[in-house]
């Protein structure tokens, strides 16, 4: 399964395009649509075309990693978990209480609560992350869209 066109574009919207490298809210060098890594240095520049190409590559990697967790049963769940993992990192998802709750098939309220715990960056509660998590929760519990 691949993430939907809707989810891909929403991730682009949440991340926003920055053609010059910057430090994100957690202090990580970032460029394009949320691309990070050892190849990103402050002062780097990128075209919108290459930023989207990097996003596609990053999303494909996150899709594969989320698929390996074997918890996404619907398109909405895959979209939500890929967005979440793209934002916080697949390793953090793998170690999270959110994933444990999903695996246990616990209540929707408990899963919602776990999504909403992830609204901080650099020790600050961010409105943009609150909006993103609400969107991810809505996708996760939608059977179709």
N, C-alpha and C. Protein backbone atom coordinates (compact mmCIF):
# COMPACT_ATOMS: atom_id res chain seq x y z
N UNK A 1 0.84 -1.17 0.00
CA UNK A 1 0.00 0.00 0.00
C UNK A 1 0.90 1.25 0.00
N UNK A 2 0.47 2.27 -0.68
CA UNK A 2 1.17 3.56 -0.75
C UNK A 2 0.28 4.63 -0.15
N UNK A 3 0.90 5.71 0.35
CA UNK A 3 0.06 6.78 0.88
C UNK A 3 -0.72 7.42 -0.25
N UNK A 4 -1.82 8.00 0.10
CA UNK A 4 -2.70 8.63 -0.88
C UNK A 4 -2.12 9.96 -1.36
N UNK A 5 -2.62 10.39 -2.50
CA UNK A 5 -2.28 11.69 -3.06
C UNK A 5 -2.67 12.79 -2.06
N UNK A 6 -3.82 12.61 -1.42
CA UNK A 6 -4.30 13.58 -0.43
C UNK A 6 -3.30 13.70 0.71
N UNK A 7 -2.85 12.57 1.24
CA UNK A 7 -1.90 12.59 2.35
C UNK A 7 -0.56 13.19 1.93
N UNK A 8 -0.08 12.83 0.75
CA UNK A 8 1.19 13.37 0.26
C UNK A 8 1.12 14.89 0.23
N UNK A 9 0.03 15.42 -0.32
CA UNK A 9 -0.10 16.87 -0.42
C UNK A 9 -0.30 17.54 0.93
N UNK A 10 -0.97 16.85 1.85
CA UNK A 10 -1.16 17.41 3.18
C UNK A 10 0.16 17.45 3.94
N UNK A 11 1.00 16.44 3.77
CA UNK A 11 2.33 16.44 4.38
C UNK A 11 3.13 17.62 3.83
N UNK A 12 3.06 17.84 2.52
CA UNK A 12 3.73 19.00 1.92
C UNK A 12 3.25 20.29 2.57
N UNK A 13 1.95 20.39 2.76
CA UNK A 13 1.36 21.59 3.37
C UNK A 13 1.86 21.77 4.81
N UNK A 14 1.81 20.71 5.60
CA UNK A 14 2.26 20.80 6.98
C UNK A 14 3.74 21.15 7.06
N UNK A 15 4.55 20.53 6.24
CA UNK A 15 6.00 20.76 6.28
C UNK A 15 6.35 22.14 5.75
N UNK A 16 5.67 22.58 4.69
CA UNK A 16 6.00 23.85 4.06
C UNK A 16 7.31 23.74 3.31
N UNK A 17 7.43 24.52 2.26
CA UNK A 17 8.64 24.50 1.44
C UNK A 17 9.59 25.59 1.90
N UNK A 18 10.80 25.17 2.21
CA UNK A 18 11.88 26.11 2.54
C UNK A 18 13.04 25.77 1.62
N UNK A 19 13.38 26.68 0.71
CA UNK A 19 14.43 26.41 -0.27
C UNK A 19 15.84 26.67 0.26
N UNK A 20 15.94 27.23 1.45
CA UNK A 20 17.24 27.41 2.09
C UNK A 20 17.24 26.65 3.41
N UNK A 21 18.31 25.94 3.68
CA UNK A 21 18.40 25.12 4.90
C UNK A 21 18.24 26.00 6.15
N UNK A 22 17.58 25.44 7.15
CA UNK A 22 17.30 26.15 8.40
C UNK A 22 17.30 25.13 9.54
N UNK A 23 17.28 25.63 10.76
CA UNK A 23 17.15 24.76 11.92
C UNK A 23 15.67 24.67 12.25
N UNK A 24 15.13 23.45 12.31
CA UNK A 24 13.72 23.29 12.64
C UNK A 24 13.50 23.57 14.13
N UNK A 25 12.25 23.40 14.59
CA UNK A 25 11.90 23.73 15.98
C UNK A 25 12.71 22.91 16.99
N UNK A 26 13.21 21.74 16.57
CA UNK A 26 14.02 20.91 17.46
C UNK A 26 15.52 21.13 17.26
N UNK A 27 15.88 22.10 16.38
CA UNK A 27 17.28 22.42 16.16
C UNK A 27 17.99 21.54 15.15
N UNK A 28 17.22 20.85 14.30
CA UNK A 28 17.79 19.94 13.30
C UNK A 28 17.89 20.65 11.95
N UNK A 29 19.06 20.63 11.28
CA UNK A 29 19.17 21.23 9.95
C UNK A 29 18.18 20.55 8.98
N UNK A 30 17.40 21.37 8.30
CA UNK A 30 16.29 20.90 7.47
C UNK A 30 16.23 21.73 6.20
N UNK A 31 15.76 21.12 5.12
CA UNK A 31 15.60 21.83 3.85
C UNK A 31 14.42 21.25 3.09
N UNK A 32 13.91 22.00 2.14
CA UNK A 32 12.81 21.52 1.30
C UNK A 32 11.55 21.34 2.11
N UNK A 33 10.92 20.16 1.96
CA UNK A 33 9.70 19.81 2.70
C UNK A 33 10.06 18.91 3.87
N UNK A 34 10.81 19.43 4.82
CA UNK A 34 11.13 18.67 6.02
C UNK A 34 12.22 17.63 5.86
N UNK A 35 13.07 17.78 4.83
CA UNK A 35 14.16 16.81 4.63
C UNK A 35 15.29 17.10 5.60
N UNK A 36 15.72 16.05 6.30
CA UNK A 36 16.85 16.15 7.23
C UNK A 36 17.87 15.08 6.87
N UNK A 37 19.01 15.17 7.46
CA UNK A 37 20.03 14.14 7.23
C UNK A 37 21.42 14.75 7.25
N UNK A 38 22.40 13.90 7.15
CA UNK A 38 23.80 14.35 7.21
C UNK A 38 24.16 15.21 6.01
N UNK A 39 23.36 15.14 4.93
CA UNK A 39 23.67 15.91 3.74
C UNK A 39 23.05 17.31 3.77
N UNK A 40 22.42 17.72 4.88
CA UNK A 40 21.80 19.04 4.98
C UNK A 40 22.66 19.92 5.88
N UNK A 41 23.05 21.07 5.32
CA UNK A 41 23.90 22.02 6.05
C UNK A 41 23.30 23.41 5.93
N UNK A 42 23.39 24.18 7.00
CA UNK A 42 22.90 25.55 6.98
C UNK A 42 23.61 26.29 5.84
N UNK A 43 22.83 27.01 5.06
CA UNK A 43 23.36 27.72 3.89
C UNK A 43 23.07 27.00 2.58
N UNK A 44 22.73 25.70 2.65
CA UNK A 44 22.37 24.96 1.45
C UNK A 44 21.10 25.54 0.84
N UNK A 45 20.99 25.43 -0.48
CA UNK A 45 19.79 25.86 -1.19
C UNK A 45 19.29 24.72 -2.07
N UNK A 46 17.99 24.75 -2.36
CA UNK A 46 17.38 23.69 -3.18
C UNK A 46 16.26 24.29 -4.01
N UNK A 47 16.03 23.73 -5.18
CA UNK A 47 14.91 24.20 -6.01
C UNK A 47 13.62 23.51 -5.55
N UNK A 48 12.47 24.10 -5.84
CA UNK A 48 11.21 23.44 -5.50
C UNK A 48 11.10 22.04 -6.13
N UNK A 49 11.61 21.88 -7.35
CA UNK A 49 11.56 20.57 -8.01
C UNK A 49 12.32 19.53 -7.19
N UNK A 50 13.58 19.85 -6.81
CA UNK A 50 14.39 18.88 -6.06
C UNK A 50 13.85 18.67 -4.66
N UNK A 51 13.24 19.70 -4.10
CA UNK A 51 12.62 19.54 -2.77
C UNK A 51 11.51 18.50 -2.83
N UNK A 52 10.71 18.53 -3.90
CA UNK A 52 9.63 17.55 -4.02
C UNK A 52 10.20 16.16 -4.29
N UNK A 53 11.29 16.07 -5.05
CA UNK A 53 11.91 14.76 -5.29
C UNK A 53 12.43 14.16 -3.97
N UNK A 54 13.07 14.99 -3.15
CA UNK A 54 13.53 14.50 -1.85
C UNK A 54 12.36 14.06 -0.98
N UNK A 55 11.28 14.82 -1.02
CA UNK A 55 10.09 14.45 -0.24
C UNK A 55 9.58 13.09 -0.70
N UNK A 56 9.49 12.87 -2.00
CA UNK A 56 9.02 11.57 -2.51
C UNK A 56 9.91 10.43 -2.01
N UNK A 57 11.22 10.62 -2.08
CA UNK A 57 12.16 9.59 -1.61
C UNK A 57 11.99 9.36 -0.10
N UNK A 58 11.88 10.45 0.65
CA UNK A 58 11.72 10.33 2.10
C UNK A 58 10.42 9.60 2.45
N UNK A 59 9.34 9.96 1.76
CA UNK A 59 8.04 9.33 2.02
C UNK A 59 8.09 7.84 1.67
N UNK A 60 8.71 7.49 0.55
CA UNK A 60 8.81 6.08 0.17
C UNK A 60 9.54 5.27 1.24
N UNK A 61 10.61 5.84 1.80
CA UNK A 61 11.36 5.17 2.86
C UNK A 61 10.47 5.00 4.09
N UNK A 62 9.77 6.05 4.48
CA UNK A 62 8.90 5.99 5.66
C UNK A 62 7.76 5.00 5.43
N UNK A 63 7.19 4.99 4.23
CA UNK A 63 6.13 4.01 3.89
C UNK A 63 6.62 2.59 4.14
N UNK A 64 7.81 2.27 3.63
CA UNK A 64 8.37 0.92 3.81
C UNK A 64 8.55 0.59 5.29
N UNK A 65 9.05 1.55 6.05
CA UNK A 65 9.28 1.32 7.47
C UNK A 65 7.97 1.15 8.23
N UNK A 66 6.96 1.93 7.88
CA UNK A 66 5.64 1.80 8.53
C UNK A 66 5.01 0.47 8.13
N UNK A 67 5.12 0.08 6.88
CA UNK A 67 4.57 -1.20 6.43
C UNK A 67 5.19 -2.36 7.22
N UNK A 68 6.47 -2.28 7.54
CA UNK A 68 7.15 -3.34 8.29
C UNK A 68 6.58 -3.50 9.70
N UNK A 69 5.93 -2.46 10.22
CA UNK A 69 5.32 -2.55 11.54
C UNK A 69 4.05 -3.40 11.53
N UNK A 70 3.45 -3.56 10.35
CA UNK A 70 2.26 -4.40 10.15
C UNK A 70 1.08 -4.03 11.05
N UNK A 71 0.82 -2.73 11.16
CA UNK A 71 -0.33 -2.30 11.97
C UNK A 71 -1.36 -1.50 11.16
N UNK A 72 -0.98 -0.99 10.00
CA UNK A 72 -1.90 -0.19 9.18
C UNK A 72 -2.82 -1.13 8.41
N UNK A 73 -4.10 -1.11 8.77
CA UNK A 73 -5.08 -1.99 8.13
C UNK A 73 -5.90 -1.28 7.05
N UNK A 74 -5.92 0.04 7.09
CA UNK A 74 -6.70 0.82 6.13
C UNK A 74 -5.81 1.89 5.50
N UNK A 75 -6.31 2.48 4.43
CA UNK A 75 -5.58 3.59 3.79
C UNK A 75 -5.40 4.74 4.78
N UNK A 76 -6.44 5.04 5.52
CA UNK A 76 -6.37 6.13 6.49
C UNK A 76 -5.32 5.88 7.56
N UNK A 77 -5.22 4.64 8.04
CA UNK A 77 -4.22 4.32 9.05
C UNK A 77 -2.81 4.45 8.48
N UNK A 78 -2.62 3.98 7.25
CA UNK A 78 -1.30 4.12 6.63
C UNK A 78 -0.96 5.60 6.47
N UNK A 79 -1.88 6.38 5.94
CA UNK A 79 -1.63 7.80 5.74
C UNK A 79 -1.29 8.49 7.05
N UNK A 80 -2.05 8.19 8.09
CA UNK A 80 -1.83 8.81 9.40
C UNK A 80 -0.46 8.43 9.96
N UNK A 81 -0.13 7.15 9.90
CA UNK A 81 1.13 6.70 10.49
C UNK A 81 2.35 7.15 9.69
N UNK A 82 2.22 7.24 8.36
CA UNK A 82 3.33 7.76 7.56
C UNK A 82 3.54 9.24 7.86
N UNK A 83 2.47 10.01 7.95
CA UNK A 83 2.60 11.42 8.30
C UNK A 83 3.27 11.58 9.67
N UNK A 84 2.79 10.80 10.63
CA UNK A 84 3.32 10.85 11.99
C UNK A 84 4.82 10.49 11.99
N UNK A 85 5.16 9.36 11.36
CA UNK A 85 6.54 8.89 11.35
C UNK A 85 7.45 9.83 10.55
N UNK A 86 6.93 10.42 9.48
CA UNK A 86 7.72 11.39 8.73
C UNK A 86 8.09 12.55 9.63
N UNK A 87 7.17 12.95 10.48
CA UNK A 87 7.36 14.10 11.35
C UNK A 87 8.25 13.80 12.55
N UNK A 88 8.01 12.71 13.24
CA UNK A 88 8.75 12.45 14.48
C UNK A 88 9.88 11.44 14.30
N UNK A 89 9.86 10.70 13.22
CA UNK A 89 10.86 9.66 12.98
C UNK A 89 10.29 8.28 13.20
N UNK A 90 10.65 7.37 12.34
CA UNK A 90 10.13 6.01 12.42
C UNK A 90 10.60 5.31 13.69
N UNK A 91 11.82 5.58 14.09
CA UNK A 91 12.35 4.93 15.30
C UNK A 91 11.56 5.37 16.53
N UNK A 92 11.19 6.63 16.59
CA UNK A 92 10.40 7.11 17.73
C UNK A 92 9.01 6.48 17.71
N UNK A 93 8.43 6.32 16.51
CA UNK A 93 7.14 5.62 16.41
C UNK A 93 7.30 4.19 16.90
N UNK A 94 8.34 3.52 16.45
CA UNK A 94 8.58 2.11 16.80
C UNK A 94 8.65 1.91 18.32
N UNK A 95 9.20 2.88 19.04
CA UNK A 95 9.39 2.77 20.49
C UNK A 95 8.25 3.40 21.29
N UNK A 96 7.25 3.93 20.61
CA UNK A 96 6.22 4.73 21.28
C UNK A 96 5.11 3.91 21.93
N UNK A 97 4.51 4.53 22.92
CA UNK A 97 3.31 3.96 23.53
C UNK A 97 2.16 3.97 22.52
N UNK A 98 2.16 4.93 21.60
CA UNK A 98 1.15 4.97 20.54
C UNK A 98 1.14 3.64 19.79
N UNK A 99 2.29 3.18 19.35
CA UNK A 99 2.35 1.92 18.61
C UNK A 99 1.91 0.76 19.49
N UNK A 100 2.32 0.74 20.75
CA UNK A 100 1.88 -0.33 21.65
C UNK A 100 0.36 -0.35 21.79
N UNK A 101 -0.26 0.82 21.89
CA UNK A 101 -1.72 0.90 22.01
C UNK A 101 -2.40 0.41 20.73
N UNK A 102 -1.84 0.78 19.58
CA UNK A 102 -2.40 0.32 18.30
C UNK A 102 -2.31 -1.20 18.21
N UNK A 103 -1.16 -1.75 18.56
CA UNK A 103 -0.97 -3.20 18.51
C UNK A 103 -1.91 -3.94 19.45
N UNK A 104 -2.20 -3.35 20.60
CA UNK A 104 -3.12 -3.98 21.56
C UNK A 104 -4.57 -3.81 21.15
N UNK A 105 -4.79 -2.99 20.12
CA UNK A 105 -6.15 -2.66 19.68
C UNK A 105 -6.97 -2.11 20.84
N UNK A 106 -6.34 -1.22 21.55
CA UNK A 106 -6.99 -0.59 22.69
C UNK A 106 -8.09 0.37 22.21
N UNK A 107 -8.66 1.12 23.09
CA UNK A 107 -9.77 2.01 22.74
C UNK A 107 -9.33 3.15 21.84
N UNK A 108 -10.28 3.65 21.07
CA UNK A 108 -10.02 4.80 20.21
C UNK A 108 -9.57 5.99 21.04
N UNK A 109 -10.15 6.17 22.22
CA UNK A 109 -9.79 7.30 23.08
C UNK A 109 -8.32 7.21 23.50
N UNK A 110 -7.85 6.02 23.82
CA UNK A 110 -6.45 5.86 24.23
C UNK A 110 -5.51 6.14 23.07
N UNK A 111 -5.86 5.70 21.88
CA UNK A 111 -5.02 5.95 20.71
C UNK A 111 -5.01 7.44 20.38
N UNK A 112 -6.18 8.07 20.42
CA UNK A 112 -6.25 9.52 20.20
C UNK A 112 -5.35 10.26 21.20
N UNK A 113 -5.43 9.88 22.45
CA UNK A 113 -4.64 10.51 23.51
C UNK A 113 -3.13 10.37 23.20
N UNK A 114 -2.73 9.20 22.73
CA UNK A 114 -1.31 9.00 22.42
C UNK A 114 -0.85 9.84 21.24
N UNK A 115 -1.68 9.94 20.20
CA UNK A 115 -1.33 10.83 19.08
C UNK A 115 -1.11 12.25 19.61
N UNK A 116 -2.03 12.71 20.45
CA UNK A 116 -2.03 14.10 20.88
C UNK A 116 -0.92 14.42 21.89
N UNK A 117 -0.21 13.42 22.37
CA UNK A 117 0.94 13.68 23.24
C UNK A 117 2.13 14.23 22.44
N UNK A 118 2.10 14.04 21.12
CA UNK A 118 3.23 14.39 20.27
C UNK A 118 3.04 15.76 19.62
N UNK A 119 2.88 16.79 20.44
CA UNK A 119 2.64 18.14 19.92
C UNK A 119 3.73 19.12 20.38
N UNK A 120 4.85 18.59 20.82
CA UNK A 120 5.95 19.42 21.32
C UNK A 120 7.17 19.27 20.43
N UNK A 121 7.88 20.38 20.26
CA UNK A 121 9.17 20.37 19.57
C UNK A 121 10.06 21.37 20.29
N UNK A 122 11.25 20.95 20.60
CA UNK A 122 12.15 21.82 21.34
C UNK A 122 11.59 22.22 22.69
N UNK A 123 10.75 21.35 23.29
CA UNK A 123 10.17 21.62 24.59
C UNK A 123 8.97 22.56 24.57
N UNK A 124 8.54 22.96 23.37
CA UNK A 124 7.41 23.89 23.25
C UNK A 124 6.24 23.22 22.56
N UNK A 125 5.04 23.50 23.08
CA UNK A 125 3.81 23.02 22.45
C UNK A 125 3.55 23.87 21.21
N UNK A 126 3.41 23.22 20.06
CA UNK A 126 3.24 23.95 18.81
C UNK A 126 1.84 23.74 18.23
N UNK A 127 1.21 24.85 17.89
CA UNK A 127 -0.13 24.80 17.31
C UNK A 127 -0.15 24.00 16.00
N UNK A 128 0.89 24.15 15.19
CA UNK A 128 0.96 23.41 13.93
C UNK A 128 0.99 21.91 14.16
N UNK A 129 1.68 21.46 15.21
CA UNK A 129 1.71 20.03 15.53
C UNK A 129 0.36 19.57 16.07
N UNK A 130 -0.32 20.42 16.83
CA UNK A 130 -1.66 20.06 17.31
C UNK A 130 -2.60 19.85 16.13
N UNK A 131 -2.55 20.74 15.13
CA UNK A 131 -3.39 20.59 13.93
C UNK A 131 -3.04 19.32 13.17
N UNK A 132 -1.75 19.07 13.04
CA UNK A 132 -1.31 17.87 12.32
C UNK A 132 -1.79 16.61 13.02
N UNK A 133 -1.65 16.55 14.34
CA UNK A 133 -2.07 15.36 15.08
C UNK A 133 -3.58 15.16 14.99
N UNK A 134 -4.36 16.23 15.06
CA UNK A 134 -5.82 16.09 14.90
C UNK A 134 -6.15 15.52 13.53
N UNK A 135 -5.45 15.99 12.49
CA UNK A 135 -5.68 15.48 11.14
C UNK A 135 -5.30 14.00 11.06
N UNK A 136 -4.16 13.63 11.66
CA UNK A 136 -3.73 12.23 11.65
C UNK A 136 -4.74 11.34 12.39
N UNK A 137 -5.23 11.79 13.52
CA UNK A 137 -6.24 11.03 14.27
C UNK A 137 -7.48 10.83 13.41
N UNK A 138 -7.92 11.89 12.74
CA UNK A 138 -9.14 11.77 11.92
C UNK A 138 -8.92 10.75 10.80
N UNK A 139 -7.75 10.72 10.20
CA UNK A 139 -7.45 9.73 9.16
C UNK A 139 -7.39 8.32 9.74
N UNK A 140 -6.74 8.20 10.88
CA UNK A 140 -6.54 6.89 11.47
C UNK A 140 -7.87 6.18 11.73
N UNK A 141 -8.88 6.94 12.12
CA UNK A 141 -10.17 6.33 12.46
C UNK A 141 -11.20 6.38 11.34
N UNK A 142 -10.81 6.87 10.17
CA UNK A 142 -11.70 6.85 9.01
C UNK A 142 -11.53 5.53 8.29
N UNK A 143 -12.63 4.89 7.95
CA UNK A 143 -12.51 3.63 7.23
C UNK A 143 -12.22 3.88 5.75
N UNK A 144 -12.75 4.95 5.21
CA UNK A 144 -12.50 5.31 3.81
C UNK A 144 -12.60 6.82 3.68
N UNK A 145 -11.99 7.34 2.64
CA UNK A 145 -12.19 8.75 2.31
C UNK A 145 -11.95 8.96 0.85
